[in-house]
Amino acid sequence: VTAAAALDAYWADGQMEKQTLARGEQVENALLAIAAEETSSGMSFRGRGLVWGIEFSDKPRASAICARAFELGLLLETSGPESEVVKLLPALTVSPEELDEGLSILARCIRETA
């Protein structure tokens, strides 16, 4: 019953889908800016909507980024066979301001672990 009510509330008018696409573009633009700064780092990223991964050729760096992000109040995790990918999975209901704050912390962590 709760799930059905949530579906009615969030997906009835298509607004959630539009919001998710807009937030996904926000993430992609931020990652493009980070990648432009990190040209020699062996960093690549891919994703869609609000599910993104940032892969590092220096595999331990992903764990270092996640650890530093945790210290700064941002919860990230790694994935991949050697934990070389930083996963971004923000909530579908994240506001643009909250997402900007998280992406700023992420950029800081990437810079600090370079």
N, C-alpha and C. Protein backbone atom coordinates (compact mmCIF):
# COMPACT_ATOMS: atom_id res chain seq x y z
N VAL A 1 0.83 -1.18 0.00
CA VAL A 1 0.00 0.00 0.00
C VAL A 1 0.88 1.25 0.00
N THR A 2 1.92 1.26 0.83
CA THR A 2 2.80 2.42 0.90
C THR A 2 3.50 2.65 -0.43
N ALA A 3 3.96 1.58 -1.04
CA ALA A 3 4.63 1.70 -2.33
C ALA A 3 3.69 2.24 -3.39
N ALA A 4 2.47 1.78 -3.40
CA ALA A 4 1.49 2.27 -4.37
C ALA A 4 1.22 3.76 -4.15
N ALA A 5 1.13 4.17 -2.90
CA ALA A 5 0.91 5.59 -2.59
C ALA A 5 2.10 6.42 -3.05
N ALA A 6 3.30 5.91 -2.85
CA ALA A 6 4.50 6.62 -3.28
C ALA A 6 4.54 6.75 -4.80
N LEU A 7 4.18 5.70 -5.49
CA LEU A 7 4.13 5.76 -6.95
C LEU A 7 3.14 6.81 -7.41
N ASP A 8 1.97 6.84 -6.78
CA ASP A 8 0.96 7.84 -7.14
C ASP A 8 1.47 9.26 -6.87
N ALA A 9 2.15 9.44 -5.76
CA ALA A 9 2.61 10.77 -5.36
C ALA A 9 3.75 11.27 -6.25
N TYR A 10 4.71 10.40 -6.56
CA TYR A 10 5.92 10.85 -7.24
C TYR A 10 5.92 10.66 -8.75
N TRP A 11 5.15 9.73 -9.28
CA TRP A 11 5.22 9.42 -10.70
C TRP A 11 3.94 9.74 -11.46
N ALA A 12 2.95 10.26 -10.82
CA ALA A 12 1.64 10.48 -11.47
C ALA A 12 1.69 11.49 -12.61
N ASP A 13 2.46 12.56 -12.46
CA ASP A 13 2.43 13.63 -13.45
C ASP A 13 3.68 13.74 -14.31
N GLY A 14 4.63 12.83 -14.17
CA GLY A 14 5.85 12.87 -14.98
C GLY A 14 6.89 13.84 -14.48
N GLN A 15 6.58 14.56 -13.41
CA GLN A 15 7.51 15.55 -12.87
C GLN A 15 8.78 14.90 -12.31
N MET A 16 8.63 13.76 -11.67
CA MET A 16 9.81 13.08 -11.10
C MET A 16 10.78 12.67 -12.21
N GLU A 17 10.26 12.20 -13.31
CA GLU A 17 11.11 11.82 -14.43
C GLU A 17 11.87 13.03 -14.97
N LYS A 18 11.19 14.14 -15.14
CA LYS A 18 11.83 15.36 -15.62
C LYS A 18 12.89 15.84 -14.64
N GLN A 19 12.56 15.77 -13.36
CA GLN A 19 13.50 16.19 -12.32
C GLN A 19 14.73 15.30 -12.33
N THR A 20 14.54 14.01 -12.47
CA THR A 20 15.67 13.07 -12.49
C THR A 20 16.58 13.35 -13.69
N LEU A 21 16.00 13.60 -14.84
CA LEU A 21 16.79 13.92 -16.03
C LEU A 21 17.58 15.21 -15.83
N ALA A 22 16.95 16.22 -15.23
CA ALA A 22 17.62 17.49 -14.98
C ALA A 22 18.78 17.31 -14.00
N ARG A 23 18.56 16.55 -12.94
CA ARG A 23 19.63 16.31 -11.96
C ARG A 23 20.75 15.49 -12.60
N GLY A 24 20.40 14.58 -13.48
CA GLY A 24 21.42 13.80 -14.19
C GLY A 24 22.31 14.69 -15.05
N GLU A 25 21.71 15.66 -15.72
CA GLU A 25 22.49 16.63 -16.50
C GLU A 25 23.39 17.46 -15.59
N GLN A 26 22.89 17.78 -14.41
CA GLN A 26 23.68 18.53 -13.43
C GLN A 26 24.91 17.73 -13.02
N VAL A 27 24.74 16.44 -12.77
CA VAL A 27 25.86 15.58 -12.41
C VAL A 27 26.84 15.48 -13.57
N GLU A 28 26.32 15.24 -14.76
CA GLU A 28 27.20 15.09 -15.94
C GLU A 28 28.03 16.36 -16.17
N ASN A 29 27.41 17.52 -16.06
CA ASN A 29 28.15 18.77 -16.25
C ASN A 29 29.24 18.95 -15.20
N ALA A 30 28.94 18.59 -13.97
CA ALA A 30 29.94 18.70 -12.90
C ALA A 30 31.10 17.74 -13.17
N LEU A 31 30.79 16.52 -13.60
CA LEU A 31 31.84 15.54 -13.87
C LEU A 31 32.68 15.94 -15.08
N LEU A 32 32.06 16.56 -16.07
CA LEU A 32 32.82 17.08 -17.21
C LEU A 32 33.81 18.15 -16.75
N ALA A 33 33.38 19.02 -15.86
CA ALA A 33 34.26 20.07 -15.33
C ALA A 33 35.40 19.47 -14.52
N ILE A 34 35.10 18.47 -13.71
CA ILE A 34 36.14 17.81 -12.92
C ILE A 34 37.13 17.12 -13.85
N ALA A 35 36.63 16.43 -14.87
CA ALA A 35 37.50 15.72 -15.81
C ALA A 35 38.40 16.70 -16.57
N ALA A 36 37.89 17.90 -16.85
CA ALA A 36 38.70 18.90 -17.54
C ALA A 36 39.88 19.34 -16.69
N GLU A 37 39.71 19.35 -15.37
CA GLU A 37 40.80 19.69 -14.45
C GLU A 37 41.76 18.53 -14.29
N GLU A 38 41.27 17.32 -14.39
CA GLU A 38 42.03 16.10 -14.09
C GLU A 38 42.49 15.38 -15.36
N THR A 39 43.01 16.11 -16.31
CA THR A 39 43.34 15.51 -17.60
C THR A 39 44.40 14.43 -17.53
N SER A 40 45.29 14.47 -16.58
CA SER A 40 46.37 13.49 -16.52
C SER A 40 46.13 12.39 -15.48
N SER A 41 44.93 12.32 -14.92
CA SER A 41 44.68 11.40 -13.81
C SER A 41 44.22 10.01 -14.22
N GLY A 42 43.91 9.80 -15.48
CA GLY A 42 43.37 8.51 -15.88
C GLY A 42 41.96 8.29 -15.36
N MET A 43 41.21 9.36 -15.22
CA MET A 43 39.84 9.32 -14.72
C MET A 43 38.88 9.25 -15.90
N SER A 44 37.87 8.40 -15.79
CA SER A 44 36.79 8.38 -16.77
C SER A 44 35.48 8.18 -16.02
N PHE A 45 34.39 8.57 -16.64
CA PHE A 45 33.11 8.41 -15.96
C PHE A 45 32.04 8.04 -16.97
N ARG A 46 30.98 7.46 -16.44
CA ARG A 46 29.82 7.13 -17.26
C ARG A 46 28.62 7.00 -16.34
N GLY A 47 27.45 7.15 -16.92
CA GLY A 47 26.24 7.02 -16.13
C GLY A 47 25.04 7.55 -16.87
N ARG A 48 23.94 7.52 -16.18
CA ARG A 48 22.69 8.01 -16.73
C ARG A 48 21.76 8.32 -15.57
N GLY A 49 20.97 9.39 -15.74
CA GLY A 49 20.07 9.77 -14.66
C GLY A 49 20.89 10.15 -13.44
N LEU A 50 20.60 9.52 -12.33
CA LEU A 50 21.34 9.80 -11.09
C LEU A 50 22.25 8.65 -10.67
N VAL A 51 22.58 7.78 -11.60
CA VAL A 51 23.50 6.68 -11.32
C VAL A 51 24.76 6.90 -12.16
N TRP A 52 25.87 7.19 -11.49
CA TRP A 52 27.13 7.49 -12.17
C TRP A 52 28.28 6.77 -11.50
N GLY A 53 29.31 6.51 -12.27
CA GLY A 53 30.54 5.92 -11.76
C GLY A 53 31.73 6.66 -12.32
N ILE A 54 32.72 6.88 -11.47
CA ILE A 54 33.97 7.52 -11.88
C ILE A 54 35.08 6.49 -11.68
N GLU A 55 35.70 6.08 -12.77
CA GLU A 55 36.74 5.05 -12.71
C GLU A 55 38.11 5.72 -12.72
N PHE A 56 39.01 5.19 -11.90
CA PHE A 56 40.37 5.71 -11.79
C PHE A 56 41.36 4.62 -12.17
N SER A 57 42.33 4.97 -13.02
CA SER A 57 43.36 4.00 -13.39
C SER A 57 44.26 3.71 -12.18
N ASP A 58 44.44 4.69 -11.29
CA ASP A 58 45.14 4.49 -10.02
C ASP A 58 44.08 3.95 -9.05
N LYS A 59 43.95 2.64 -9.01
CA LYS A 59 42.82 1.99 -8.34
C LYS A 59 42.64 2.36 -6.87
N PRO A 60 43.69 2.47 -6.06
CA PRO A 60 43.49 2.85 -4.65
C PRO A 60 42.93 4.26 -4.46
N ARG A 61 43.02 5.08 -5.48
CA ARG A 61 42.53 6.46 -5.35
C ARG A 61 41.03 6.52 -5.11
N ALA A 62 40.28 5.62 -5.70
CA ALA A 62 38.82 5.62 -5.49
C ALA A 62 38.49 5.45 -4.01
N SER A 63 39.19 4.54 -3.33
CA SER A 63 38.96 4.34 -1.90
C SER A 63 39.37 5.57 -1.10
N ALA A 64 40.48 6.20 -1.50
CA ALA A 64 40.94 7.40 -0.81
C ALA A 64 39.92 8.53 -0.96
N ILE A 65 39.33 8.66 -2.14
CA ILE A 65 38.32 9.68 -2.38
C ILE A 65 37.10 9.43 -1.50
N CYS A 66 36.67 8.19 -1.44
CA CYS A 66 35.50 7.86 -0.62
C CYS A 66 35.76 8.11 0.86
N ALA A 67 36.96 7.78 1.32
CA ALA A 67 37.30 8.00 2.73
C ALA A 67 37.32 9.49 3.05
N ARG A 68 37.91 10.28 2.17
CA ARG A 68 37.96 11.74 2.40
C ARG A 68 36.55 12.33 2.34
N ALA A 69 35.74 11.88 1.40
CA ALA A 69 34.37 12.37 1.30
C ALA A 69 33.60 12.08 2.59
N PHE A 70 33.80 10.90 3.16
CA PHE A 70 33.12 10.55 4.41
C PHE A 70 33.53 11.51 5.52
N GLU A 71 34.82 11.86 5.57
CA GLU A 71 35.30 12.82 6.57
C GLU A 71 34.60 14.18 6.41
N LEU A 72 34.24 14.51 5.17
CA LEU A 72 33.60 15.80 4.89
C LEU A 72 32.08 15.72 4.89
N GLY A 73 31.53 14.55 5.26
CA GLY A 73 30.09 14.41 5.40
C GLY A 73 29.34 13.91 4.18
N LEU A 74 30.07 13.40 3.19
CA LEU A 74 29.44 12.88 1.98
C LEU A 74 29.65 11.37 1.92
N LEU A 75 28.58 10.63 1.76
CA LEU A 75 28.64 9.18 1.71
C LEU A 75 28.75 8.72 0.26
N LEU A 76 29.89 8.13 -0.07
CA LEU A 76 30.16 7.53 -1.38
C LEU A 76 30.64 6.12 -1.13
N GLU A 77 30.62 5.30 -2.17
CA GLU A 77 31.19 3.96 -2.04
C GLU A 77 31.88 3.59 -3.33
N THR A 78 32.70 2.56 -3.25
CA THR A 78 33.41 2.09 -4.42
C THR A 78 32.72 0.86 -5.00
N SER A 79 33.05 0.59 -6.24
CA SER A 79 32.60 -0.63 -6.89
C SER A 79 33.65 -1.01 -7.92
N GLY A 80 33.38 -2.08 -8.64
CA GLY A 80 34.33 -2.58 -9.62
C GLY A 80 35.12 -3.73 -9.04
N PRO A 81 35.73 -4.53 -9.89
CA PRO A 81 36.46 -5.72 -9.42
C PRO A 81 37.62 -5.41 -8.48
N GLU A 82 38.18 -4.20 -8.60
CA GLU A 82 39.29 -3.81 -7.72
C GLU A 82 38.95 -2.53 -6.96
N SER A 83 37.67 -2.28 -6.76
CA SER A 83 37.19 -1.07 -6.07
C SER A 83 37.77 0.20 -6.67
N GLU A 84 37.85 0.23 -8.00
CA GLU A 84 38.46 1.35 -8.71
C GLU A 84 37.44 2.40 -9.17
N VAL A 85 36.17 2.20 -8.85
CA VAL A 85 35.11 3.10 -9.28
C VAL A 85 34.46 3.75 -8.07
N VAL A 86 34.31 5.07 -8.12
CA VAL A 86 33.54 5.80 -7.12
C VAL A 86 32.12 5.85 -7.64
N LYS A 87 31.18 5.34 -6.85
CA LYS A 87 29.77 5.33 -7.26
C LYS A 87 29.05 6.55 -6.72
N LEU A 88 28.25 7.16 -7.59
CA LEU A 88 27.38 8.26 -7.19
C LEU A 88 25.95 7.77 -7.33
N LEU A 89 25.23 7.76 -6.23
CA LEU A 89 23.83 7.31 -6.22
C LEU A 89 23.00 8.24 -5.34
N PRO A 90 22.84 9.51 -5.74
CA PRO A 90 22.03 10.40 -4.91
C PRO A 90 20.56 10.00 -4.95
N ALA A 91 19.85 10.41 -3.94
CA ALA A 91 18.41 10.14 -3.86
C ALA A 91 17.68 10.82 -5.01
N LEU A 92 16.63 10.20 -5.47
CA LEU A 92 15.84 10.78 -6.55
C LEU A 92 15.22 12.11 -6.14
N THR A 93 15.05 12.33 -4.86
CA THR A 93 14.42 13.55 -4.36
C THR A 93 15.43 14.63 -3.96
N VAL A 94 16.70 14.45 -4.33
CA VAL A 94 17.72 15.43 -3.97
C VAL A 94 17.41 16.77 -4.64
N SER A 95 17.64 17.85 -3.91
CA SER A 95 17.42 19.18 -4.48
C SER A 95 18.65 19.59 -5.29
N PRO A 96 18.50 20.54 -6.20
CA PRO A 96 19.67 21.00 -6.95
C PRO A 96 20.78 21.54 -6.05
N GLU A 97 20.37 22.22 -4.98
CA GLU A 97 21.35 22.78 -4.04
C GLU A 97 22.11 21.68 -3.29
N GLU A 98 21.38 20.68 -2.84
CA GLU A 98 22.04 19.56 -2.15
C GLU A 98 22.98 18.82 -3.10
N LEU A 99 22.55 18.65 -4.33
CA LEU A 99 23.38 17.96 -5.31
C LEU A 99 24.64 18.77 -5.60
N ASP A 100 24.51 20.08 -5.75
CA ASP A 100 25.68 20.95 -5.95
C ASP A 100 26.66 20.83 -4.79
N GLU A 101 26.13 20.81 -3.58
CA GLU A 101 26.99 20.69 -2.40
C GLU A 101 27.77 19.37 -2.43
N GLY A 102 27.07 18.28 -2.72
CA GLY A 102 27.73 16.98 -2.80
C GLY A 102 28.76 16.92 -3.91
N LEU A 103 28.44 17.49 -5.06
CA LEU A 103 29.37 17.49 -6.19
C LEU A 103 30.59 18.37 -5.89
N SER A 104 30.40 19.44 -5.14
CA SER A 104 31.53 20.28 -4.72
C SER A 104 32.46 19.52 -3.79
N ILE A 105 31.87 18.77 -2.87
CA ILE A 105 32.69 17.95 -1.96
C ILE A 105 33.44 16.90 -2.77
N LEU A 106 32.76 16.26 -3.70
CA LEU A 106 33.41 15.26 -4.55
C LEU A 106 34.60 15.87 -5.30
N ALA A 107 34.40 17.03 -5.91
CA ALA A 107 35.48 17.70 -6.64
C ALA A 107 36.66 17.99 -5.70
N ARG A 108 36.35 18.45 -4.51
CA ARG A 108 37.41 18.73 -3.53
C ARG A 108 38.19 17.47 -3.21
N CYS A 109 37.48 16.36 -3.00
CA CYS A 109 38.14 15.10 -2.66
C CYS A 109 39.01 14.60 -3.80
N ILE A 110 38.55 14.78 -5.02
CA ILE A 110 39.35 14.36 -6.18
C ILE A 110 40.61 15.20 -6.27
N ARG A 111 40.49 16.51 -6.05
CA ARG A 111 41.66 17.38 -6.08
C ARG A 111 42.64 17.02 -4.96
N GLU A 112 42.11 16.78 -3.77
CA GLU A 112 42.98 16.52 -2.61
C GLU A 112 43.70 15.18 -2.70
N THR A 113 43.17 14.25 -3.45
CA THR A 113 43.82 12.93 -3.56
C THR A 113 44.69 12.80 -4.81
N ALA A 114 44.82 13.88 -5.57
CA ALA A 114 45.62 13.84 -6.79
C ALA A 114 47.10 13.63 -6.48
